[in-house]
PDB file of all heavy atoms in Angstrom:
ATOM      1  N   SER A   1     167.523 218.305 183.950  1.00  0.00           N
ATOM      2  CA  SER A   1     166.162 217.837 183.642  1.00  0.00           C
ATOM      3  C   SER A   1     165.123 218.395 184.589  1.00  0.00           C
ATOM      4  O   SER A   1     164.084 218.829 184.153  1.00  0.00           O
ATOM      5  CB  SER A   1     166.060 216.321 183.627  1.00  0.00           C
ATOM      6  OG  SER A   1     166.923 215.795 182.619  1.00  0.00           O
ATOM      7  N   ASN A   2     165.485 218.421 185.811  1.00  0.00           N
ATOM      8  CA  ASN A   2     164.555 219.069 186.785  1.00  0.00           C
ATOM      9  C   ASN A   2     164.299 220.493 186.573  1.00  0.00           C
ATOM     10  O   ASN A   2     163.249 220.935 186.644  1.00  0.00           O
ATOM     11  CB  ASN A   2     165.205 218.774 188.156  1.00  0.00           C
ATOM     12  CG  ASN A   2     164.238 219.109 189.269  1.00  0.00           C
ATOM     13  OD1 ASN A   2     163.075 219.409 189.054  1.00  0.00           O
ATOM     14  ND2 ASN A   2     164.633 219.091 190.469  1.00  0.00           N
ATOM     15  N   ALA A   3     165.443 221.270 186.252  1.00  0.00           N
ATOM     16  CA  ALA A   3     165.267 222.713 185.931  1.00  0.00           C
ATOM     17  C   ALA A   3     164.471 222.918 184.682  1.00  0.00           C
ATOM     18  O   ALA A   3     163.698 223.772 184.617  1.00  0.00           O
ATOM     19  CB  ALA A   3     166.609 223.286 185.750  1.00  0.00           C
ATOM     20  N   SER A   4     164.545 222.041 183.681  1.00  0.00           N
ATOM     21  CA  SER A   4     163.863 222.141 182.495  1.00  0.00           C
ATOM     22  C   SER A   4     162.349 221.848 182.662  1.00  0.00           C
ATOM     23  O   SER A   4     161.508 222.640 182.215  1.00  0.00           O
ATOM     24  CB  SER A   4     164.431 221.133 181.390  1.00  0.00           C
ATOM     25  OG  SER A   4     163.554 221.193 180.204  1.00  0.00           O
ATOM     26  N   LEU A   5     162.110 220.853 183.519  1.00  0.00           N
ATOM     27  CA  LEU A   5     160.664 220.576 183.825  1.00  0.00           C
ATOM     28  C   LEU A   5     160.115 221.744 184.576  1.00  0.00           C
ATOM     29  O   LEU A   5     158.932 222.158 184.437  1.00  0.00           O
ATOM     30  CB  LEU A   5     160.556 219.274 184.653  1.00  0.00           C
ATOM     31  CG  LEU A   5     160.861 218.078 183.787  1.00  0.00           C
ATOM     32  CD1 LEU A   5     160.852 216.858 184.684  1.00  0.00           C
ATOM     33  CD2 LEU A   5     159.738 217.830 182.795  1.00  0.00           C
ATOM     34  N   SER A   6     160.864 222.301 185.575  1.00  0.00           N
ATOM     35  CA  SER A   6     160.425 223.488 186.338  1.00  0.00           C
ATOM     36  C   SER A   6     160.215 224.633 185.446  1.00  0.00           C
ATOM     37  O   SER A   6     159.186 225.379 185.582  1.00  0.00           O
ATOM     38  CB  SER A   6     161.372 223.779 187.450  1.00  0.00           C
ATOM     39  OG  SER A   6     161.582 222.670 188.320  1.00  0.00           O
ATOM     40  N   GLY A   7     161.114 224.878 184.525  1.00  0.00           N
ATOM     41  CA  GLY A   7     160.903 225.961 183.506  1.00  0.00           C
ATOM     42  C   GLY A   7     159.642 225.736 182.743  1.00  0.00           C
ATOM     43  O   GLY A   7     158.872 226.718 182.476  1.00  0.00           O
ATOM     44  N   SER A   8     159.366 224.462 182.287  1.00  0.00           N
ATOM     45  CA  SER A   8     158.129 224.184 181.514  1.00  0.00           C
ATOM     46  C   SER A   8     156.902 224.517 182.301  1.00  0.00           C
ATOM     47  O   SER A   8     155.872 225.040 181.808  1.00  0.00           O
ATOM     48  CB  SER A   8     158.213 222.745 181.057  1.00  0.00           C
ATOM     49  OG  SER A   8     156.982 222.373 180.430  1.00  0.00           O
ATOM     50  N   LEU A   9     156.985 224.212 183.627  1.00  0.00           N
ATOM     51  CA  LEU A   9     155.883 224.415 184.452  1.00  0.00           C
ATOM     52  C   LEU A   9     155.655 225.892 184.689  1.00  0.00           C
ATOM     53  O   LEU A   9     154.506 226.383 184.663  1.00  0.00           O
ATOM     54  CB  LEU A   9     156.039 223.726 185.803  1.00  0.00           C
ATOM     55  CG  LEU A   9     154.899 223.852 186.830  1.00  0.00           C
ATOM     56  CD1 LEU A   9     153.628 223.330 186.270  1.00  0.00           C
ATOM     57  CD2 LEU A   9     155.292 223.099 188.120  1.00  0.00           C
ATOM     58  N   ASP A  10     156.773 226.556 184.745  1.00  0.00           N
ATOM     59  CA  ASP A  10     156.659 228.083 184.940  1.00  0.00           C
ATOM     60  C   ASP A  10     155.962 228.795 183.623  1.00  0.00           C
ATOM     61  O   ASP A  10     155.253 229.629 183.686  1.00  0.00           O
ATOM     62  CB  ASP A  10     158.085 228.767 185.214  1.00  0.00           C
ATOM     63  CG  ASP A  10     158.620 228.372 186.567  1.00  0.00           C
ATOM     64  OD1 ASP A  10     157.756 227.999 187.318  1.00  0.00           O
ATOM     65  OD2 ASP A  10     159.816 228.404 186.659  1.00  0.00           O
ATOM     66  N   ILE A  11     156.444 228.231 182.495  1.00  0.00           N
ATOM     67  CA  ILE A  11     155.860 228.658 181.238  1.00  0.00           C
ATOM     68  C   ILE A  11     154.348 228.441 181.168  1.00  0.00           C
ATOM     69  O   ILE A  11     153.533 229.306 180.812  1.00  0.00           O
ATOM     70  CB  ILE A  11     156.554 228.035 180.025  1.00  0.00           C
ATOM     71  CG1 ILE A  11     158.015 228.517 179.887  1.00  0.00           C
ATOM     72  CG2 ILE A  11     155.772 228.407 178.628  1.00  0.00           C
ATOM     73  CD1 ILE A  11     158.756 227.921 178.818  1.00  0.00           C
ATOM     74  N   ALA A  12     153.954 227.231 181.650  1.00  0.00           N
ATOM     75  CA  ALA A  12     152.540 226.938 181.599  1.00  0.00           C
ATOM     76  C   ALA A  12     151.731 227.896 182.588  1.00  0.00           C
ATOM     77  O   ALA A  12     150.661 228.350 182.303  1.00  0.00           O
ATOM     78  CB  ALA A  12     152.320 225.586 182.056  1.00  0.00           C
ATOM     79  N   ARG A  13     152.364 228.183 183.715  1.00  0.00           N
ATOM     80  CA  ARG A  13     151.715 229.044 184.662  1.00  0.00           C
ATOM     81  C   ARG A  13     151.717 230.493 184.048  1.00  0.00           C
ATOM     82  O   ARG A  13     150.662 231.118 184.241  1.00  0.00           O
ATOM     83  CB  ARG A  13     152.502 229.155 185.950  1.00  0.00           C
ATOM     84  CG  ARG A  13     152.302 227.786 186.768  1.00  0.00           C
ATOM     85  CD  ARG A  13     153.230 227.704 187.890  1.00  0.00           C
ATOM     86  NE  ARG A  13     153.054 226.495 188.661  1.00  0.00           N
ATOM     87  CZ  ARG A  13     153.908 226.063 189.623  1.00  0.00           C
ATOM     88  NH1 ARG A  13     155.073 226.784 189.851  1.00  0.00           N
ATOM     89  NH2 ARG A  13     153.665 224.963 190.325  1.00  0.00           N
ATOM     90  N   ALA A  14     152.781 230.861 183.380  1.00  0.00           N
ATOM     91  CA  ALA A  14     152.739 232.260 182.803  1.00  0.00           C
ATOM     92  C   ALA A  14     151.768 232.290 181.737  1.00  0.00           C
ATOM     93  O   ALA A  14     151.146 233.331 181.509  1.00  0.00           O
ATOM     94  CB  ALA A  14     154.162 232.518 182.228  1.00  0.00           C
ATOM     95  N   THR A  15     151.594 231.214 180.913  1.00  0.00           N
ATOM     96  CA  THR A  15     150.504 231.223 179.889  1.00  0.00           C
ATOM     97  C   THR A  15     149.171 231.405 180.488  1.00  0.00           C
ATOM     98  O   THR A  15     148.335 232.173 179.879  1.00  0.00           O
ATOM     99  CB  THR A  15     150.566 229.888 179.044  1.00  0.00           C
ATOM    100  OG1 THR A  15     151.942 229.779 178.514  1.00  0.00           O
ATOM    101  CG2 THR A  15     149.526 229.904 178.017  1.00  0.00           C
ATOM    102  N   LEU A  16     148.872 230.733 181.649  1.00  0.00           N
ATOM    103  CA  LEU A  16     147.611 230.877 182.232  1.00  0.00           C
ATOM    104  C   LEU A  16     147.487 232.279 182.844  1.00  0.00           C
ATOM    105  O   LEU A  16     146.412 232.975 182.776  1.00  0.00           O
ATOM    106  CB  LEU A  16     147.443 229.833 183.344  1.00  0.00           C
ATOM    107  CG  LEU A  16     146.097 229.836 183.984  1.00  0.00           C
ATOM    108  CD1 LEU A  16     144.971 229.521 183.054  1.00  0.00           C
ATOM    109  CD2 LEU A  16     146.102 228.865 185.232  1.00  0.00           C
ATOM    110  N   ASP A  17     148.547 232.863 183.370  1.00  0.00           N
ATOM    111  CA  ASP A  17     148.419 234.222 183.905  1.00  0.00           C
ATOM    112  C   ASP A  17     148.307 235.260 182.715  1.00  0.00           C
ATOM    113  O   ASP A  17     147.896 236.382 183.015  1.00  0.00           O
ATOM    114  CB  ASP A  17     149.777 234.512 184.619  1.00  0.00           C
ATOM    115  CG  ASP A  17     149.790 235.761 185.290  1.00  0.00           C
ATOM    116  OD1 ASP A  17     148.942 236.005 186.313  1.00  0.00           O
ATOM    117  OD2 ASP A  17     150.516 236.743 184.906  1.00  0.00           O
ATOM    118  N   ALA A  18     148.664 234.887 181.527  1.00  0.00           N
ATOM    119  CA  ALA A  18     148.447 235.842 180.380  1.00  0.00           C
ATOM    120  C   ALA A  18     147.060 236.096 180.215  1.00  0.00           C
ATOM    121  O   ALA A  18     146.744 237.052 179.410  1.00  0.00           O
ATOM    122  CB  ALA A  18     149.184 235.241 179.190  1.00  0.00           C
ATOM    123  N   LEU A  19     146.164 235.221 180.643  1.00  0.00           N
ATOM    124  CA  LEU A  19     144.758 235.539 180.591  1.00  0.00           C
ATOM    125  C   LEU A  19     144.405 236.775 181.343  1.00  0.00           C
ATOM    126  O   LEU A  19     143.281 237.390 181.115  1.00  0.00           O
ATOM    127  CB  LEU A  19     143.942 234.331 181.039  1.00  0.00           C
ATOM    128  CG  LEU A  19     144.067 233.087 180.177  1.00  0.00           C
ATOM    129  CD1 LEU A  19     143.272 231.975 180.795  1.00  0.00           C
ATOM    130  CD2 LEU A  19     143.567 233.325 178.818  1.00  0.00           C
ATOM    131  N   ASN A  20     145.198 237.147 182.279  1.00  0.00           N
ATOM    132  CA  ASN A  20     145.021 238.481 182.978  1.00  0.00           C
ATOM    133  C   ASN A  20     145.734 239.489 182.185  1.00  0.00           C
ATOM    134  O   ASN A  20     147.004 239.584 182.250  1.00  0.00           O
ATOM    135  CB  ASN A  20     145.479 238.375 184.394  1.00  0.00           C
ATOM    136  CG  ASN A  20     144.798 237.286 185.226  1.00  0.00           C
ATOM    137  OD1 ASN A  20     143.561 237.185 185.102  1.00  0.00           O
ATOM    138  ND2 ASN A  20     145.526 236.600 186.090  1.00  0.00           N
ATOM    139  N   LEU A  21     145.068 240.265 181.385  1.00  0.00           N
ATOM    140  CA  LEU A  21     145.716 241.292 180.535  1.00  0.00           C
ATOM    141  C   LEU A  21     146.222 242.434 181.367  1.00  0.00           C
ATOM    142  O   LEU A  21     145.359 243.169 181.946  1.00  0.00           O
ATOM    143  CB  LEU A  21     144.703 241.704 179.466  1.00  0.00           C
ATOM    144  CG  LEU A  21     145.281 242.603 178.366  1.00  0.00           C
ATOM    145  CD1 LEU A  21     146.454 241.932 177.621  1.00  0.00           C
ATOM    146  CD2 LEU A  21     144.177 243.092 177.437  1.00  0.00           C
ATOM    147  N   ARG A  22     147.589 242.722 181.324  1.00  0.00           N
ATOM    148  CA  ARG A  22     148.106 243.833 182.108  1.00  0.00           C
ATOM    149  C   ARG A  22     148.851 244.805 181.176  1.00  0.00           C
ATOM    150  O   ARG A  22     149.237 244.435 180.016  1.00  0.00           O
ATOM    151  CB  ARG A  22     149.088 243.304 183.195  1.00  0.00           C
ATOM    152  CG  ARG A  22     148.518 242.339 184.143  1.00  0.00           C
ATOM    153  CD  ARG A  22     149.520 241.836 185.175  1.00  0.00           C
ATOM    154  NE  ARG A  22     148.971 240.853 186.048  1.00  0.00           N
ATOM    155  CZ  ARG A  22     148.294 241.143 187.164  1.00  0.00           C
ATOM    156  NH1 ARG A  22     148.089 242.471 187.516  1.00  0.00           N
ATOM    157  NH2 ARG A  22     147.714 240.234 187.922  1.00  0.00           N
ATOM    158  N   ALA A  23     148.915 246.024 181.666  1.00  0.00           N
ATOM    159  CA  ALA A  23     149.621 247.057 180.909  1.00  0.00           C
ATOM    160  C   ALA A  23     151.052 246.844 180.821  1.00  0.00           C
ATOM    161  O   ALA A  23     151.789 246.829 181.950  1.00  0.00           O
ATOM    162  CB  ALA A  23     149.271 248.445 181.416  1.00  0.00           C
ATOM    163  N   PRO A  24     151.758 246.653 179.677  1.00  0.00           N
ATOM    164  CA  PRO A  24     153.302 246.384 179.715  1.00  0.00           C
ATOM    165  C   PRO A  24     154.070 247.725 180.078  1.00  0.00           C
ATOM    166  O   PRO A  24     155.127 247.600 180.444  1.00  0.00           O
ATOM    167  CB  PRO A  24     153.513 245.962 178.227  1.00  0.00           C
ATOM    168  CG  PRO A  24     152.412 246.529 177.500  1.00  0.00           C
ATOM    169  CD  PRO A  24     151.267 246.573 178.391  1.00  0.00           C
ATOM    170  N   VAL A  25     153.503 248.902 179.836  1.00  0.00           N
ATOM    171  CA  VAL A  25     154.165 250.175 180.103  1.00  0.00           C
ATOM    172  C   VAL A  25     153.190 251.109 180.543  1.00  0.00           C
ATOM    173  O   VAL A  25     151.927 250.848 180.431  1.00  0.00           O
ATOM    174  CB  VAL A  25     154.920 250.753 178.810  1.00  0.00           C
ATOM    175  CG1 VAL A  25     156.056 249.862 178.394  1.00  0.00           C
ATOM    176  CG2 VAL A  25     153.918 250.935 177.692  1.00  0.00           C
ATOM    177  N   SER A  26     153.627 252.245 181.096  1.00  0.00           N
ATOM    178  CA  SER A  26     152.735 253.319 181.540  1.00  0.00           C
ATOM    179  C   SER A  26     152.330 254.255 180.425  1.00  0.00           C
ATOM    180  O   SER A  26     153.241 254.410 179.557  1.00  0.00           O
ATOM    181  CB  SER A  26     153.309 254.077 182.700  1.00  0.00           C
ATOM    182  OG  SER A  26     153.609 253.275 183.816  1.00  0.00           O
ATOM    183  N   GLY A  27     151.229 254.726 180.339  1.00  0.00           N
ATOM    184  CA  GLY A  27     150.797 255.597 179.242  1.00  0.00           C
ATOM    185  C   GLY A  27     149.295 255.733 179.074  1.00  0.00           C
ATOM    186  O   GLY A  27     148.521 255.344 180.053  1.00  0.00           O
ATOM    187  N   GLN A  28     148.859 256.188 177.916  1.00  0.00           N
ATOM    188  CA  GLN A  28     147.470 256.342 177.618  1.00  0.00           C
ATOM    189  C   GLN A  28     146.951 255.224 176.753  1.00  0.00           C
ATOM    190  O   GLN A  28     147.554 254.858 175.699  1.00  0.00           O
ATOM    191  CB  GLN A  28     147.205 257.652 176.912  1.00  0.00           C
ATOM    192  CG  GLN A  28     145.711 257.935 176.694  1.00  0.00           C
ATOM    193  CD  GLN A  28     145.412 259.233 176.065  1.00  0.00           C
ATOM    194  OE1 GLN A  28     146.398 259.850 175.301  1.00  0.00           O
ATOM    195  NE2 GLN A  28     144.262 259.792 176.138  1.00  0.00           N
ATOM    196  N   LEU A  29     145.861 254.577 177.279  1.00  0.00           N
ATOM    197  CA  LEU A  29     145.383 253.335 176.543  1.00  0.00           C
ATOM    198  C   LEU A  29     144.399 253.872 175.501  1.00  0.00           C
ATOM    199  O   LEU A  29     143.491 254.680 175.778  1.00  0.00           O
ATOM    200  CB  LEU A  29     144.580 252.516 177.553  1.00  0.00           C
ATOM    201  CG  LEU A  29     143.971 251.219 177.052  1.00  0.00           C
ATOM    202  CD1 LEU A  29     145.051 250.305 176.526  1.00  0.00           C
ATOM    203  CD2 LEU A  29     143.068 250.509 178.106  1.00  0.00           C
ATOM    204  N   THR A  30     144.625 253.430 174.299  1.00  0.00           N
ATOM    205  CA  THR A  30     143.854 253.766 173.106  1.00  0.00           C
ATOM    206  C   THR A  30     143.471 252.595 172.339  1.00  0.00           C
ATOM    207  O   THR A  30     144.127 251.543 172.345  1.00  0.00           O
ATOM    208  CB  THR A  30     144.590 254.879 172.278  1.00  0.00           C
ATOM    209  OG1 THR A  30     145.775 254.284 171.747  1.00  0.00           O
ATOM    210  CG2 THR A  30     144.865 256.093 172.957  1.00  0.00           C
ATOM    211  N   ALA A  31     142.381 252.781 171.515  1.00  0.00           N
ATOM    212  CA  ALA A  31     141.858 251.698 170.680  1.00  0.00           C
ATOM    213  C   ALA A  31     141.495 250.414 171.396  1.00  0.00           C
ATOM    214  O   ALA A  31     141.600 249.349 170.886  1.00  0.00           O
ATOM    215  CB  ALA A  31     142.936 251.472 169.482  1.00  0.00           C
ATOM    216  N   PHE A  32     141.064 250.645 172.661  1.00  0.00           N
ATOM    217  CA  PHE A  32     140.772 249.481 173.476  1.00  0.00           C
ATOM    218  C   PHE A  32     139.247 249.394 173.629  1.00  0.00           C
ATOM    219  O   PHE A  32     138.645 250.128 174.290  1.00  0.00           O
ATOM    220  CB  PHE A  32     141.407 249.768 174.890  1.00  0.00           C
ATOM    221  CG  PHE A  32     141.265 248.587 175.762  1.00  0.00           C
ATOM    222  CD1 PHE A  32     142.122 247.362 175.613  1.00  0.00           C
ATOM    223  CD2 PHE A  32     140.507 248.533 176.892  1.00  0.00           C
ATOM    224  CE1 PHE A  32     142.048 246.304 176.445  1.00  0.00           C
ATOM    225  CE2 PHE A  32     140.480 247.443 177.743  1.00  0.00           C
ATOM    226  CZ  PHE A  32     141.176 246.381 177.462  1.00  0.00           C
ATOM    227  N   SER A  33     138.623 248.444 172.892  1.00  0.00           N
ATOM    228  CA  SER A  33     137.191 248.414 172.773  1.00  0.00           C
ATOM    229  C   SER A  33     136.648 247.050 172.962  1.00  0.00           C
ATOM    230  O   SER A  33     135.597 246.714 172.473  1.00  0.00           O
ATOM    231  CB  SER A  33     136.788 248.981 171.382  1.00  0.00           C
ATOM    232  OG  SER A  33     137.385 248.175 170.364  1.00  0.00           O
TER     233      SER A  33
END
């Protein structure tokens, strides 16, 4: 249960961190307006 709660907290933090949009791979960025 502790691990599940910790994972839930990590998901919540990752969701908040998703507001910082990052490049998933290297390459040329297109259609970004």
